[in-house]
Amino acid sequence: MIPAYPAMSIAAAVIVVVVELAWLRTGIFGMRSYWVAMAVVFAFQIPIDGWMTKLSDPIVIYNPDALSGLRFPLDIPTEEFAYAFAMVTLAIMCWERAGSAPESTPSDTK
């Protein structure tokens, strides 16, 4: 049985992709700027998360029973990447969707 954190991280990533492709359709997966943003997120996540979760002297200690046991790179639990993908992608999708909504004008209350 898969522990809760990896299962929920994977489920969140899959749900976000399905929401984008089936409902919101913002087109972010085809945007170069989205992939650059994700590269920036992971470029900062790897050293920071790696430093905080390093097995030799961790700042953040996870219950080993709650993780998959897979750690890469720098001792980072791999489920952290699925969680980050889902969280950042959902935020960008909502931002894109809000920006593409028709602008409303306030009614004249004279």
C-alpha atoms as a PDB file:
ATOM      1  CA  MET A   1       0.000   0.000   0.000  1.00  0.00           C
ATOM      2  CA  ILE A   2       1.267   3.471  -0.893  1.00  0.00           C
ATOM      3  CA  PRO A   3       1.597   5.842   2.081  1.00  0.00           C
ATOM      4  CA  ALA A   4      -0.766   8.834   2.162  1.00  0.00           C
ATOM      5  CA  TYR A   5       1.674  11.640   1.274  1.00  0.00           C
ATOM      6  CA  PRO A   6       3.020  10.075  -1.935  1.00  0.00           C
ATOM      7  CA  ALA A   7      -0.461   8.912  -2.952  1.00  0.00           C
ATOM      8  CA  MET A   8      -2.010  12.322  -2.358  1.00  0.00           C
ATOM      9  CA  SER A   9       0.887  14.131  -4.086  1.00  0.00           C
ATOM     10  CA  ILE A  10       0.517  11.982  -7.180  1.00  0.00           C
ATOM     11  CA  ALA A  11      -3.277  12.337  -7.079  1.00  0.00           C
ATOM     12  CA  ALA A  12      -2.960  16.126  -6.795  1.00  0.00           C
ATOM     13  CA  ALA A  13      -0.627  16.277  -9.805  1.00  0.00           C
ATOM     14  CA  VAL A  14      -2.944  14.078 -11.887  1.00  0.00           C
ATOM     15  CA  ILE A  15      -6.037  16.053 -10.850  1.00  0.00           C
ATOM     16  CA  VAL A  16      -4.377  19.363 -11.749  1.00  0.00           C
ATOM     17  CA  VAL A  17      -3.449  18.038 -15.209  1.00  0.00           C
ATOM     18  CA  VAL A  18      -6.995  16.720 -15.747  1.00  0.00           C
ATOM     19  CA  VAL A  19      -8.530  20.028 -14.593  1.00  0.00           C
ATOM     20  CA  GLU A  20      -6.303  21.904 -17.056  1.00  0.00           C
ATOM     21  CA  LEU A  21      -6.933  19.612 -20.013  1.00  0.00           C
ATOM     22  CA  ALA A  22     -10.636  18.935 -19.442  1.00  0.00           C
ATOM     23  CA  TRP A  23     -12.004  22.089 -17.832  1.00  0.00           C
ATOM     24  CA  LEU A  24      -9.895  25.233 -17.602  1.00  0.00           C
ATOM     25  CA  ARG A  25      -8.013  24.821 -20.893  1.00  0.00           C
ATOM     26  CA  THR A  26      -5.719  27.781 -20.291  1.00  0.00           C
ATOM     27  CA  GLY A  27      -3.099  26.307 -22.599  1.00  0.00           C
ATOM     28  CA  ILE A  28      -0.290  26.667 -20.055  1.00  0.00           C
ATOM     29  CA  PHE A  29       1.305  23.332 -20.943  1.00  0.00           C
ATOM     30  CA  GLY A  30       2.026  24.760 -24.377  1.00  0.00           C
ATOM     31  CA  MET A  31       3.490  27.996 -23.060  1.00  0.00           C
ATOM     32  CA  ARG A  32       7.242  28.426 -22.891  1.00  0.00           C
ATOM     33  CA  SER A  33       6.807  30.816 -19.951  1.00  0.00           C
ATOM     34  CA  TYR A  34       5.087  28.079 -17.910  1.00  0.00           C
ATOM     35  CA  TRP A  35       7.994  25.672 -18.384  1.00  0.00           C
ATOM     36  CA  VAL A  36      10.510  28.414 -17.578  1.00  0.00           C
ATOM     37  CA  ALA A  37       8.558  29.159 -14.392  1.00  0.00           C
ATOM     38  CA  MET A  38       8.582  25.467 -13.446  1.00  0.00           C
ATOM     39  CA  ALA A  39      12.333  25.302 -14.081  1.00  0.00           C
ATOM     40  CA  VAL A  40      12.815  28.289 -11.773  1.00  0.00           C
ATOM     41  CA  VAL A  41      10.639  26.662  -9.089  1.00  0.00           C
ATOM     42  CA  PHE A  42      12.611  23.431  -9.204  1.00  0.00           C
ATOM     43  CA  ALA A  43      15.951  25.258  -9.438  1.00  0.00           C
ATOM     44  CA  PHE A  44      15.184  26.870  -6.074  1.00  0.00           C
ATOM     45  CA  GLN A  45      13.388  23.857  -4.606  1.00  0.00           C
ATOM     46  CA  ILE A  46      16.271  21.445  -5.086  1.00  0.00           C
ATOM     47  CA  PRO A  47      18.936  23.242  -3.033  1.00  0.00           C
ATOM     48  CA  ILE A  48      16.524  24.519  -0.365  1.00  0.00           C
ATOM     49  CA  ASP A  49      14.533  21.313   0.039  1.00  0.00           C
ATOM     50  CA  GLY A  50      17.732  19.290  -0.206  1.00  0.00           C
ATOM     51  CA  TRP A  51      19.313  21.312   2.584  1.00  0.00           C
ATOM     52  CA  MET A  52      16.204  21.067   4.780  1.00  0.00           C
ATOM     53  CA  THR A  53      15.652  17.319   4.334  1.00  0.00           C
ATOM     54  CA  LYS A  54      19.244  16.039   4.105  1.00  0.00           C
ATOM     55  CA  LEU A  55      19.489  12.801   6.011  1.00  0.00           C
ATOM     56  CA  SER A  56      22.822  13.714   7.602  1.00  0.00           C
ATOM     57  CA  ASP A  57      21.400  16.714   9.514  1.00  0.00           C
ATOM     58  CA  PRO A  58      17.713  17.307   8.697  1.00  0.00           C
ATOM     59  CA  ILE A  59      15.790  20.418   9.614  1.00  0.00           C
ATOM     60  CA  VAL A  60      12.513  18.866   8.473  1.00  0.00           C
ATOM     61  CA  ILE A  61      11.991  15.313   9.660  1.00  0.00           C
ATOM     62  CA  TYR A  62       9.314  13.214   8.018  1.00  0.00           C
ATOM     63  CA  ASN A  63       7.779  10.109   9.485  1.00  0.00           C
ATOM     64  CA  PRO A  64       9.406   7.406   7.320  1.00  0.00           C
ATOM     65  CA  ASP A  65       6.098   5.506   7.255  1.00  0.00           C
ATOM     66  CA  ALA A  66       4.472   8.506   5.517  1.00  0.00           C
ATOM     67  CA  LEU A  67       6.938   8.549   2.594  1.00  0.00           C
ATOM     68  CA  SER A  68       7.652   6.330  -0.379  1.00  0.00           C
ATOM     69  CA  GLY A  69      11.295   6.011   0.633  1.00  0.00           C
ATOM     70  CA  LEU A  70      12.518   7.349  -2.716  1.00  0.00           C
ATOM     71  CA  ARG A  71      14.822  10.342  -2.259  1.00  0.00           C
ATOM     72  CA  PHE A  72      16.483  12.168  -5.146  1.00  0.00           C
ATOM     73  CA  PRO A  73      18.437  14.396  -5.478  1.00  0.00           C
ATOM     74  CA  LEU A  74      20.086  15.555  -2.243  1.00  0.00           C
ATOM     75  CA  ASP A  75      17.890  13.303  -0.080  1.00  0.00           C
ATOM     76  CA  ILE A  76      14.688  15.096  -1.178  1.00  0.00           C
ATOM     77  CA  PRO A  77      11.580  12.907  -0.881  1.00  0.00           C
ATOM     78  CA  THR A  78      10.426  12.536  -4.494  1.00  0.00           C
ATOM     79  CA  GLU A  79       6.818  13.211  -3.523  1.00  0.00           C
ATOM     80  CA  GLU A  80       7.860  16.811  -2.834  1.00  0.00           C
ATOM     81  CA  PHE A  81       8.225  17.346  -6.597  1.00  0.00           C
ATOM     82  CA  ALA A  82       4.711  16.092  -7.396  1.00  0.00           C
ATOM     83  CA  TYR A  83       3.322  18.320  -4.640  1.00  0.00           C
ATOM     84  CA  ALA A  84       5.259  21.364  -5.912  1.00  0.00           C
ATOM     85  CA  PHE A  85       4.165  20.690  -9.496  1.00  0.00           C
ATOM     86  CA  ALA A  86       0.509  20.480  -8.463  1.00  0.00           C
ATOM     87  CA  MET A  87       0.606  23.549  -6.223  1.00  0.00           C
ATOM     88  CA  VAL A  88       2.454  25.842  -8.635  1.00  0.00           C
ATOM     89  CA  THR A  89       0.607  24.612 -11.719  1.00  0.00           C
ATOM     90  CA  LEU A  90      -2.789  25.140 -10.092  1.00  0.00           C
ATOM     91  CA  ALA A  91      -1.799  28.659  -9.040  1.00  0.00           C
ATOM     92  CA  ILE A  92      -0.633  29.500 -12.578  1.00  0.00           C
ATOM     93  CA  MET A  93      -3.787  27.981 -14.096  1.00  0.00           C
ATOM     94  CA  CYS A  94      -5.993  30.082 -11.815  1.00  0.00           C
ATOM     95  CA  TRP A  95      -3.932  33.174 -12.580  1.00  0.00           C
ATOM     96  CA  GLU A  96      -4.232  32.557 -16.321  1.00  0.00           C
ATOM     97  CA  ARG A  97      -7.945  31.866 -16.048  1.00  0.00           C
ATOM     98  CA  ALA A  98      -8.540  35.032 -14.016  1.00  0.00           C
ATOM     99  CA  GLY A  99      -6.563  37.078 -16.519  1.00  0.00           C
ATOM    100  CA  SER A 100      -8.544  35.756 -19.461  1.00  0.00           C
ATOM    101  CA  ALA A 101     -11.922  36.471 -17.891  1.00  0.00           C
ATOM    102  CA  PRO A 102     -13.852  39.298 -19.537  1.00  0.00           C
ATOM    103  CA  GLU A 103     -13.389  42.548 -17.710  1.00  0.00           C
ATOM    104  CA  SER A 104     -16.472  43.900 -16.031  1.00  0.00           C
ATOM    105  CA  THR A 105     -17.174  47.553 -15.733  1.00  0.00           C
ATOM    106  CA  PRO A 106     -18.753  48.988 -12.628  1.00  0.00           C
ATOM    107  CA  SER A 107     -22.280  50.181 -13.173  1.00  0.00           C
ATOM    108  CA  ASP A 108     -22.871  53.893 -13.176  1.00  0.00           C
ATOM    109  CA  THR A 109     -24.673  54.767  -9.944  1.00  0.00           C
ATOM    110  CA  LYS A 110     -25.513  58.430 -10.592  1.00  0.00           C
END
